[in-house]
Amino acid sequence: MNQGMATDTYAAWRAAITQAKLGVTPAELHGSITGFLCAGWSGRARELLDALALEGDPGGVAGGNLEGLIERAAGRINDRLRAHESIELVLPEGSLAARADATVDWCRGFLGGLGLTGVLTGPARTTEVADLLSGLGQIAASHLACGDDEDEAALDDVLDFVHDVVAHLHAMLAPAGLP
């Protein structure tokens, strides 16, 4: 593995979240960050952590690692969104079931992060936006049962759908003046 990408791993996120004593999964937090950014959030870790009102020690000494991780991830996510590239979800290595569960957590986090921006209460709430959010909501409310090669293909289809939805929502919701 490329050492420069080590902070992108599920394990690195879990370690930083555990150290900061937060009660969220790495996928959920990454989804929240992406939801904020999708609507034009600035990418400052403190702003996100304050908005999420997470219990724990996100601002203490232990939270410094998490804030740095969030800042770096936010920069990468923003770059990918602006370049119209696919967002890579933070998912664990290993079993298909663990990756499926993390995908559900990521979608929950994304919807929560997007909702915290307030963008969905204004005129941006079109039928197309509502349909896209409904699709993500169905994933977020589900339990993706997985166990065979066919399920692996189904999870890949879900991930492709999530990537497409994030790209479409960013195009429709982010302020037009973003650099």
Protein backbone atom coordinates (compact mmCIF):
# COMPACT_ATOMS: atom_id res chain seq x y z
CA MET A 1 0.00 0.00 0.00
CA ASN A 2 1.18 3.51 -0.77
CA GLN A 3 2.15 5.12 2.54
CA GLY A 4 0.81 8.48 1.35
CA MET A 5 -2.64 6.96 1.14
CA ALA A 6 -2.56 5.39 4.62
CA THR A 7 -4.90 8.05 6.01
CA ASP A 8 -7.53 6.95 3.49
CA THR A 9 -7.95 3.57 5.11
CA TYR A 10 -10.91 2.56 7.18
CA ALA A 11 -8.49 1.47 9.92
CA ALA A 12 -6.85 4.92 10.05
CA TRP A 13 -10.25 6.60 10.29
CA ARG A 14 -11.35 4.15 13.00
CA ALA A 15 -8.17 4.82 15.01
CA ALA A 16 -8.63 8.61 14.85
CA ILE A 17 -12.34 8.36 15.73
CA THR A 18 -11.60 6.00 18.63
CA GLN A 19 -8.84 8.29 19.90
CA ALA A 20 -11.26 11.25 19.82
CA LYS A 21 -13.90 9.08 21.56
CA LEU A 22 -16.62 9.70 18.98
CA GLY A 23 -19.61 7.45 18.50
CA VAL A 24 -19.66 7.27 14.70
CA THR A 25 -18.29 4.80 12.20
CA PRO A 26 -15.54 5.84 9.78
CA ALA A 27 -17.91 5.37 6.85
CA GLU A 28 -20.61 7.49 8.50
CA LEU A 29 -18.20 10.34 9.27
CA HIS A 30 -16.73 10.24 5.75
CA GLY A 31 -20.26 10.30 4.35
CA SER A 32 -21.10 13.32 6.52
CA ILE A 33 -18.04 15.17 5.26
CA THR A 34 -18.98 14.36 1.67
CA GLY A 35 -22.58 15.51 2.25
CA PHE A 36 -21.37 18.85 3.61
CA LEU A 37 -18.98 19.32 0.70
CA CYS A 38 -21.57 18.29 -1.84
CA ALA A 39 -23.63 21.33 -0.84
CA GLY A 40 -20.69 23.73 -0.94
CA TRP A 41 -19.31 23.51 2.63
CA SER A 42 -15.90 25.12 3.08
CA GLY A 43 -14.07 22.01 4.22
CA ARG A 44 -13.01 23.14 7.71
CA ALA A 45 -12.94 20.23 10.16
CA ARG A 46 -13.99 22.30 13.17
CA GLU A 47 -17.10 23.54 11.32
CA LEU A 48 -18.16 19.99 10.51
CA LEU A 49 -17.48 18.61 13.97
CA ASP A 50 -19.40 21.51 15.55
CA ALA A 51 -22.36 21.00 13.19
CA LEU A 52 -22.46 17.27 13.90
CA ALA A 53 -22.42 17.95 17.66
CA LEU A 54 -20.64 14.66 18.24
CA GLU A 55 -20.13 13.48 21.78
CA GLY A 56 -16.53 12.79 22.74
CA ASP A 57 -13.32 14.78 22.51
CA PRO A 58 -13.15 15.96 18.89
CA GLY A 59 -11.53 19.26 19.84
CA GLY A 60 -9.05 18.01 22.42
CA VAL A 61 -5.51 16.86 21.90
CA ALA A 62 -6.75 13.47 20.70
CA GLY A 63 -9.09 15.20 18.26
CA GLY A 64 -6.17 16.88 16.50
CA ASN A 65 -5.47 13.71 14.55
CA LEU A 66 -9.11 13.51 13.54
CA GLU A 67 -9.24 17.17 12.52
CA GLY A 68 -6.15 16.70 10.37
CA LEU A 69 -7.64 13.59 8.79
CA ILE A 70 -10.90 15.45 8.08
CA GLU A 71 -9.06 18.46 6.60
CA ARG A 72 -7.03 16.24 4.26
CA ALA A 73 -10.05 14.16 3.28
CA ALA A 74 -12.12 17.29 2.68
CA GLY A 75 -9.46 18.64 0.34
CA ARG A 76 -9.39 15.39 -1.65
CA ILE A 77 -13.19 15.12 -1.75
CA ASN A 78 -13.58 18.75 -2.87
CA ASP A 79 -10.96 18.25 -5.58
CA ARG A 80 -12.77 15.15 -6.87
CA LEU A 81 -16.20 16.81 -6.76
CA ARG A 82 -14.97 19.87 -8.64
CA ALA A 83 -13.22 17.67 -11.21
CA HIS A 84 -16.43 15.63 -11.62
CA GLU A 85 -14.59 12.50 -10.50
CA SER A 86 -16.05 9.66 -8.45
CA ILE A 87 -15.82 9.90 -4.67
CA GLU A 88 -14.14 6.92 -3.05
CA LEU A 89 -16.13 5.82 -0.01
CA VAL A 90 -14.17 4.85 3.11
CA LEU A 91 -15.01 1.16 3.44
CA PRO A 92 -13.33 -1.58 5.46
CA GLU A 93 -11.24 -4.25 3.85
CA GLY A 94 -12.45 -7.75 4.29
CA SER A 95 -15.85 -9.32 4.15
CA LEU A 96 -18.55 -8.34 1.73
CA ALA A 97 -20.99 -7.99 4.65
CA ALA A 98 -18.72 -5.48 6.41
CA ARG A 99 -18.37 -3.41 3.23
CA ALA A 100 -22.14 -3.53 2.66
CA ASP A 101 -22.83 -2.38 6.24
CA ALA A 102 -20.30 0.43 5.85
CA THR A 103 -21.98 1.51 2.59
CA VAL A 104 -25.27 1.84 4.47
CA ASP A 105 -23.49 3.86 7.21
CA TRP A 106 -21.85 6.08 4.57
CA CYS A 107 -25.24 6.86 2.99
CA ARG A 108 -26.71 7.71 6.41
CA GLY A 109 -23.79 10.02 7.11
CA PHE A 110 -24.04 11.64 3.67
CA LEU A 111 -27.74 12.40 4.10
CA GLY A 112 -27.11 13.77 7.59
CA GLY A 113 -24.20 15.95 6.45
CA LEU A 114 -26.17 17.25 3.51
CA GLY A 115 -29.18 17.96 5.73
CA LEU A 116 -27.08 19.93 8.22
CA THR A 117 -26.15 22.45 5.52
CA GLY A 118 -29.76 23.62 5.20
CA VAL A 119 -29.56 23.46 1.39
CA LEU A 120 -32.49 21.07 1.18
CA THR A 121 -34.97 23.49 2.74
CA GLY A 122 -34.74 26.04 -0.06
CA PRO A 123 -35.55 26.11 -3.74
CA ALA A 124 -32.88 23.46 -4.44
CA ARG A 125 -35.41 20.81 -3.36
CA THR A 126 -36.54 19.89 -6.87
CA THR A 127 -38.26 16.67 -7.90
CA GLU A 128 -34.93 15.40 -9.29
CA VAL A 129 -33.14 16.15 -6.00
CA ALA A 130 -35.95 14.49 -4.06
CA ASP A 131 -35.71 11.38 -6.26
CA LEU A 132 -31.93 11.15 -5.78
CA LEU A 133 -32.26 11.61 -2.02
CA SER A 134 -34.99 8.98 -1.93
CA GLY A 135 -32.65 6.47 -3.58
CA LEU A 136 -29.93 7.18 -1.03
CA GLY A 137 -32.52 7.05 1.75
CA GLN A 138 -33.58 3.57 0.66
CA ILE A 139 -29.96 2.40 0.91
CA ALA A 140 -29.50 4.15 4.27
CA ALA A 141 -32.62 2.47 5.65
CA SER A 142 -31.70 -0.98 4.45
CA HIS A 143 -29.64 -3.92 5.54
CA LEU A 144 -27.69 -5.17 2.54
CA ALA A 145 -27.51 -8.94 2.92
CA CYS A 146 -24.40 -10.26 1.18
CA GLY A 147 -22.72 -13.56 0.81
CA ASP A 148 -21.89 -14.64 -2.75
CA ASP A 149 -20.42 -13.38 -6.02
CA GLU A 150 -23.83 -12.18 -7.17
CA ASP A 151 -24.06 -10.06 -4.03
CA GLU A 152 -20.59 -8.63 -4.76
CA ALA A 153 -21.88 -7.46 -8.14
CA ALA A 154 -24.98 -6.02 -6.46
CA LEU A 155 -22.82 -4.06 -3.99
CA ASP A 156 -20.76 -2.75 -6.92
CA ASP A 157 -24.02 -1.59 -8.53
CA VAL A 158 -25.04 0.16 -5.29
CA LEU A 159 -21.64 1.87 -5.10
CA ASP A 160 -21.93 3.00 -8.73
CA PHE A 161 -25.37 4.42 -7.94
CA VAL A 162 -24.00 6.27 -4.88
CA HIS A 163 -21.15 7.73 -6.94
CA ASP A 164 -23.60 8.94 -9.61
CA VAL A 165 -26.00 10.44 -7.06
CA VAL A 166 -23.22 12.34 -5.28
CA ALA A 167 -21.99 13.77 -8.59
CA HIS A 168 -25.51 14.82 -9.62
CA LEU A 169 -26.33 16.34 -6.25
CA HIS A 170 -23.08 18.31 -6.21
CA ALA A 171 -23.85 19.67 -9.69
CA MET A 172 -27.34 20.74 -8.56
CA LEU A 173 -26.69 21.92 -4.99
CA ALA A 174 -23.20 23.43 -4.74
CA PRO A 175 -23.15 27.20 -5.14
CA ALA A 176 -22.37 28.13 -8.74
CA GLY A 177 -19.52 30.42 -7.71
CA LEU A 178 -17.34 27.71 -6.17
CA PRO A 179 -13.81 27.75 -7.56
